Amino acid sequence: SQDGGKTFTAYNANLFTMARYGAYPTDTAWYVAAGAWPSSERGNEPLRKSFFHDRNGKLRKFKHEQVGDAGWEAQIARTTDGGKTW
């Protein structure tokens, strides 16, 4: 948001998990941490379903896919041009 939270702009960082945290040190340099984890401590149960609103406001289901034996997924995305490229 650039107007105190009245409106928001969605950016596609091509993440394979849900974005969780963001850091914005400048107007054009942004870092986004994303990740998913198993729904149990054993790590062998399916990941929980998540939902999000797309840029048109439509509620969508986010598809989680387990990776490896533990089921943990993580990534960090960075842009230095205000979200034009990641």
N, C-alpha and C. Protein backbone atom coordinates (compact mmCIF):
# COMPACT_ATOMS: atom_id res chain seq x y z
N SER A 1 0.84 -1.17 0.00
CA SER A 1 0.00 0.00 0.00
C SER A 1 0.88 1.24 0.00
N GLN A 2 0.46 2.22 -0.74
CA GLN A 2 1.18 3.49 -0.74
C GLN A 2 0.28 4.63 -0.25
N ASP A 3 -0.88 4.26 0.32
CA ASP A 3 -1.81 5.27 0.82
C ASP A 3 -2.29 4.96 2.24
N GLY A 4 -1.37 4.43 3.04
CA GLY A 4 -1.70 4.16 4.43
C GLY A 4 -2.63 2.97 4.64
N GLY A 5 -2.69 2.07 3.68
CA GLY A 5 -3.50 0.87 3.82
C GLY A 5 -4.90 0.96 3.28
N LYS A 6 -5.24 2.05 2.62
CA LYS A 6 -6.58 2.17 2.02
C LYS A 6 -6.73 1.24 0.83
N THR A 7 -5.69 1.10 0.03
CA THR A 7 -5.71 0.18 -1.11
C THR A 7 -4.40 -0.60 -1.13
N PHE A 8 -4.43 -1.76 -1.76
CA PHE A 8 -3.25 -2.61 -1.87
C PHE A 8 -3.08 -3.07 -3.31
N THR A 9 -1.85 -3.27 -3.72
CA THR A 9 -1.54 -3.78 -5.05
C THR A 9 -0.94 -5.17 -4.90
N ALA A 10 -1.44 -6.14 -5.67
CA ALA A 10 -0.91 -7.50 -5.63
C ALA A 10 0.23 -7.63 -6.63
N TYR A 11 1.26 -8.36 -6.25
CA TYR A 11 2.41 -8.62 -7.11
C TYR A 11 2.62 -10.12 -7.19
N ASN A 12 2.94 -10.63 -8.35
CA ASN A 12 3.19 -12.05 -8.54
C ASN A 12 4.68 -12.32 -8.45
N ALA A 13 5.11 -12.88 -7.33
CA ALA A 13 6.52 -13.20 -7.13
C ALA A 13 6.83 -14.65 -7.52
N ASN A 14 5.87 -15.32 -8.16
CA ASN A 14 6.03 -16.71 -8.60
C ASN A 14 6.46 -17.63 -7.47
N LEU A 15 5.80 -17.51 -6.32
CA LEU A 15 6.09 -18.34 -5.17
C LEU A 15 5.37 -19.67 -5.28
N PHE A 16 5.98 -20.76 -4.80
CA PHE A 16 5.30 -22.05 -4.78
C PHE A 16 4.70 -22.34 -3.43
N THR A 17 4.83 -21.42 -2.46
CA THR A 17 4.18 -21.51 -1.17
C THR A 17 3.59 -20.14 -0.85
N MET A 18 2.86 -20.05 0.24
CA MET A 18 2.25 -18.79 0.63
C MET A 18 3.29 -17.83 1.18
N ALA A 19 3.19 -16.57 0.80
CA ALA A 19 4.06 -15.54 1.38
C ALA A 19 3.68 -15.38 2.85
N ARG A 20 4.69 -15.24 3.69
CA ARG A 20 4.45 -15.14 5.13
C ARG A 20 4.90 -13.80 5.70
N TYR A 21 6.05 -13.34 5.30
CA TYR A 21 6.60 -12.11 5.85
C TYR A 21 7.23 -11.29 4.74
N GLY A 22 7.25 -9.99 4.91
CA GLY A 22 7.89 -9.12 3.94
C GLY A 22 8.72 -8.06 4.63
N ALA A 23 9.80 -7.69 4.00
CA ALA A 23 10.64 -6.59 4.46
C ALA A 23 10.84 -5.66 3.28
N TYR A 24 10.69 -4.37 3.51
CA TYR A 24 10.72 -3.39 2.44
C TYR A 24 11.69 -2.27 2.82
N PRO A 25 12.99 -2.51 2.66
CA PRO A 25 13.97 -1.51 3.08
C PRO A 25 13.94 -0.22 2.26
N THR A 26 13.48 -0.29 1.01
CA THR A 26 13.32 0.91 0.18
C THR A 26 12.03 0.79 -0.61
N ASP A 27 11.69 1.79 -1.36
CA ASP A 27 10.48 1.74 -2.19
C ASP A 27 10.58 0.69 -3.29
N THR A 28 11.79 0.32 -3.70
CA THR A 28 11.94 -0.62 -4.81
C THR A 28 12.59 -1.94 -4.41
N ALA A 29 13.23 -2.02 -3.26
CA ALA A 29 13.87 -3.26 -2.80
C ALA A 29 12.97 -3.93 -1.76
N TRP A 30 12.48 -5.13 -2.09
CA TRP A 30 11.59 -5.87 -1.21
C TRP A 30 12.08 -7.30 -1.08
N TYR A 31 11.87 -7.87 0.09
CA TYR A 31 12.18 -9.28 0.35
C TYR A 31 10.93 -9.94 0.91
N VAL A 32 10.59 -11.11 0.39
CA VAL A 32 9.41 -11.83 0.84
C VAL A 32 9.83 -13.23 1.23
N ALA A 33 9.51 -13.63 2.45
CA ALA A 33 9.77 -14.99 2.91
C ALA A 33 8.47 -15.78 2.77
N ALA A 34 8.58 -16.99 2.27
CA ALA A 34 7.41 -17.83 2.08
C ALA A 34 7.73 -19.23 2.61
N GLY A 35 6.68 -19.96 2.96
CA GLY A 35 6.94 -21.30 3.44
C GLY A 35 5.67 -22.03 3.85
N ALA A 36 5.80 -23.33 3.98
CA ALA A 36 4.71 -24.20 4.42
C ALA A 36 5.34 -25.34 5.21
N TRP A 37 4.57 -25.88 6.11
CA TRP A 37 5.07 -26.98 6.92
C TRP A 37 3.95 -27.98 7.15
N PRO A 38 4.31 -29.18 7.56
CA PRO A 38 3.29 -30.22 7.77
C PRO A 38 2.32 -29.82 8.88
N SER A 39 1.15 -30.42 8.86
CA SER A 39 0.15 -30.09 9.86
C SER A 39 0.33 -30.91 11.13
N SER A 40 1.36 -31.74 11.19
CA SER A 40 1.64 -32.50 12.40
C SER A 40 3.13 -32.46 12.68
N GLU A 41 3.50 -32.76 13.91
CA GLU A 41 4.91 -32.77 14.27
C GLU A 41 5.64 -33.94 13.63
N ARG A 42 4.91 -34.98 13.24
CA ARG A 42 5.53 -36.14 12.61
C ARG A 42 6.00 -35.82 11.19
N GLY A 43 5.38 -34.84 10.56
CA GLY A 43 5.81 -34.42 9.24
C GLY A 43 5.30 -35.30 8.11
N ASN A 44 4.44 -36.26 8.40
CA ASN A 44 4.00 -37.15 7.33
C ASN A 44 2.52 -37.01 7.02
N GLU A 45 1.88 -36.01 7.57
CA GLU A 45 0.47 -35.77 7.28
C GLU A 45 0.36 -34.64 6.27
N PRO A 46 -0.72 -34.61 5.50
CA PRO A 46 -0.86 -33.58 4.47
C PRO A 46 -0.83 -32.18 5.04
N LEU A 47 -0.36 -31.25 4.24
CA LEU A 47 -0.36 -29.85 4.63
C LEU A 47 -1.79 -29.33 4.66
N ARG A 48 -2.04 -28.37 5.52
CA ARG A 48 -3.38 -27.79 5.62
C ARG A 48 -3.70 -27.00 4.36
N LYS A 49 -4.98 -26.89 4.08
CA LYS A 49 -5.41 -26.09 2.94
C LYS A 49 -5.39 -24.62 3.32
N SER A 50 -5.00 -23.79 2.40
CA SER A 50 -4.98 -22.35 2.62
C SER A 50 -5.78 -21.68 1.51
N PHE A 51 -6.32 -20.53 1.83
CA PHE A 51 -7.08 -19.76 0.87
C PHE A 51 -6.51 -18.35 0.79
N PHE A 52 -6.67 -17.72 -0.36
CA PHE A 52 -6.20 -16.35 -0.53
C PHE A 52 -7.12 -15.65 -1.51
N HIS A 53 -7.07 -14.33 -1.51
CA HIS A 53 -7.82 -13.53 -2.48
C HIS A 53 -6.88 -13.14 -3.60
N ASP A 54 -7.30 -13.41 -4.84
CA ASP A 54 -6.46 -13.02 -5.97
C ASP A 54 -6.61 -11.52 -6.21
N ARG A 55 -5.91 -11.01 -7.23
CA ARG A 55 -5.92 -9.57 -7.46
C ARG A 55 -7.28 -9.03 -7.86
N ASN A 56 -8.23 -9.92 -8.24
CA ASN A 56 -9.58 -9.48 -8.56
C ASN A 56 -10.54 -9.65 -7.38
N GLY A 57 -10.00 -10.07 -6.22
CA GLY A 57 -10.81 -10.23 -5.03
C GLY A 57 -11.50 -11.57 -4.91
N LYS A 58 -11.24 -12.49 -5.84
CA LYS A 58 -11.88 -13.81 -5.81
C LYS A 58 -11.12 -14.73 -4.85
N LEU A 59 -11.88 -15.45 -4.00
CA LEU A 59 -11.27 -16.38 -3.06
C LEU A 59 -10.80 -17.63 -3.80
N ARG A 60 -9.54 -17.98 -3.62
CA ARG A 60 -8.95 -19.12 -4.30
C ARG A 60 -8.30 -20.04 -3.29
N LYS A 61 -8.21 -21.32 -3.65
CA LYS A 61 -7.54 -22.30 -2.81
C LYS A 61 -6.09 -22.40 -3.23
N PHE A 62 -5.18 -22.32 -2.26
CA PHE A 62 -3.76 -22.44 -2.54
C PHE A 62 -3.39 -23.91 -2.44
N LYS A 63 -2.80 -24.45 -3.48
CA LYS A 63 -2.45 -25.87 -3.51
C LYS A 63 -1.06 -26.08 -2.91
N HIS A 64 -1.02 -26.85 -1.83
CA HIS A 64 0.26 -27.21 -1.22
C HIS A 64 0.68 -28.58 -1.73
N GLU A 65 1.92 -28.73 -1.99
CA GLU A 65 2.47 -30.03 -2.36
C GLU A 65 3.65 -30.31 -1.46
N GLN A 66 3.65 -31.47 -0.82
CA GLN A 66 4.75 -31.79 0.06
C GLN A 66 6.02 -32.04 -0.75
N VAL A 67 7.12 -31.59 -0.19
CA VAL A 67 8.42 -31.75 -0.82
C VAL A 67 9.30 -32.54 0.14
N GLY A 68 9.83 -33.65 -0.31
CA GLY A 68 10.72 -34.45 0.52
C GLY A 68 9.99 -35.18 1.62
N ASP A 69 10.74 -35.86 2.45
CA ASP A 69 10.16 -36.65 3.52
C ASP A 69 9.56 -35.80 4.63
N ALA A 70 10.18 -34.68 4.94
CA ALA A 70 9.72 -33.87 6.06
C ALA A 70 8.51 -33.03 5.70
N GLY A 71 8.32 -32.69 4.43
CA GLY A 71 7.19 -31.88 4.02
C GLY A 71 7.39 -30.39 4.21
N TRP A 72 8.58 -29.97 4.57
CA TRP A 72 8.87 -28.56 4.76
C TRP A 72 9.20 -27.91 3.41
N GLU A 73 8.71 -26.70 3.21
CA GLU A 73 9.00 -25.94 2.01
C GLU A 73 9.34 -24.51 2.43
N ALA A 74 10.32 -23.90 1.79
CA ALA A 74 10.66 -22.53 2.12
C ALA A 74 11.31 -21.85 0.93
N GLN A 75 11.19 -20.53 0.89
CA GLN A 75 11.84 -19.77 -0.17
C GLN A 75 11.87 -18.30 0.21
N ILE A 76 12.75 -17.59 -0.42
CA ILE A 76 12.84 -16.14 -0.25
C ILE A 76 12.86 -15.52 -1.64
N ALA A 77 12.01 -14.52 -1.85
CA ALA A 77 11.97 -13.82 -3.13
C ALA A 77 12.46 -12.39 -2.91
N ARG A 78 13.13 -11.84 -3.92
CA ARG A 78 13.66 -10.48 -3.83
C ARG A 78 13.37 -9.74 -5.13
N THR A 79 13.00 -8.48 -5.00
CA THR A 79 12.89 -7.61 -6.14
C THR A 79 13.68 -6.33 -5.84
N THR A 80 14.29 -5.79 -6.85
CA THR A 80 15.01 -4.52 -6.68
C THR A 80 14.43 -3.43 -7.58
N ASP A 81 13.30 -3.76 -8.24
CA ASP A 81 12.69 -2.78 -9.14
C ASP A 81 11.20 -2.58 -8.82
N GLY A 82 10.84 -2.70 -7.56
CA GLY A 82 9.47 -2.43 -7.16
C GLY A 82 8.47 -3.47 -7.59
N GLY A 83 8.89 -4.72 -7.76
CA GLY A 83 7.98 -5.81 -8.09
C GLY A 83 7.82 -6.11 -9.57
N LYS A 84 8.55 -5.42 -10.43
CA LYS A 84 8.47 -5.71 -11.87
C LYS A 84 9.10 -7.07 -12.18
N THR A 85 10.22 -7.35 -11.57
CA THR A 85 10.88 -8.66 -11.73
C THR A 85 11.25 -9.17 -10.35
N TRP A 86 11.36 -10.50 -10.21
CA TRP A 86 11.69 -11.14 -8.93
C TRP A 86 12.85 -12.07 -9.13
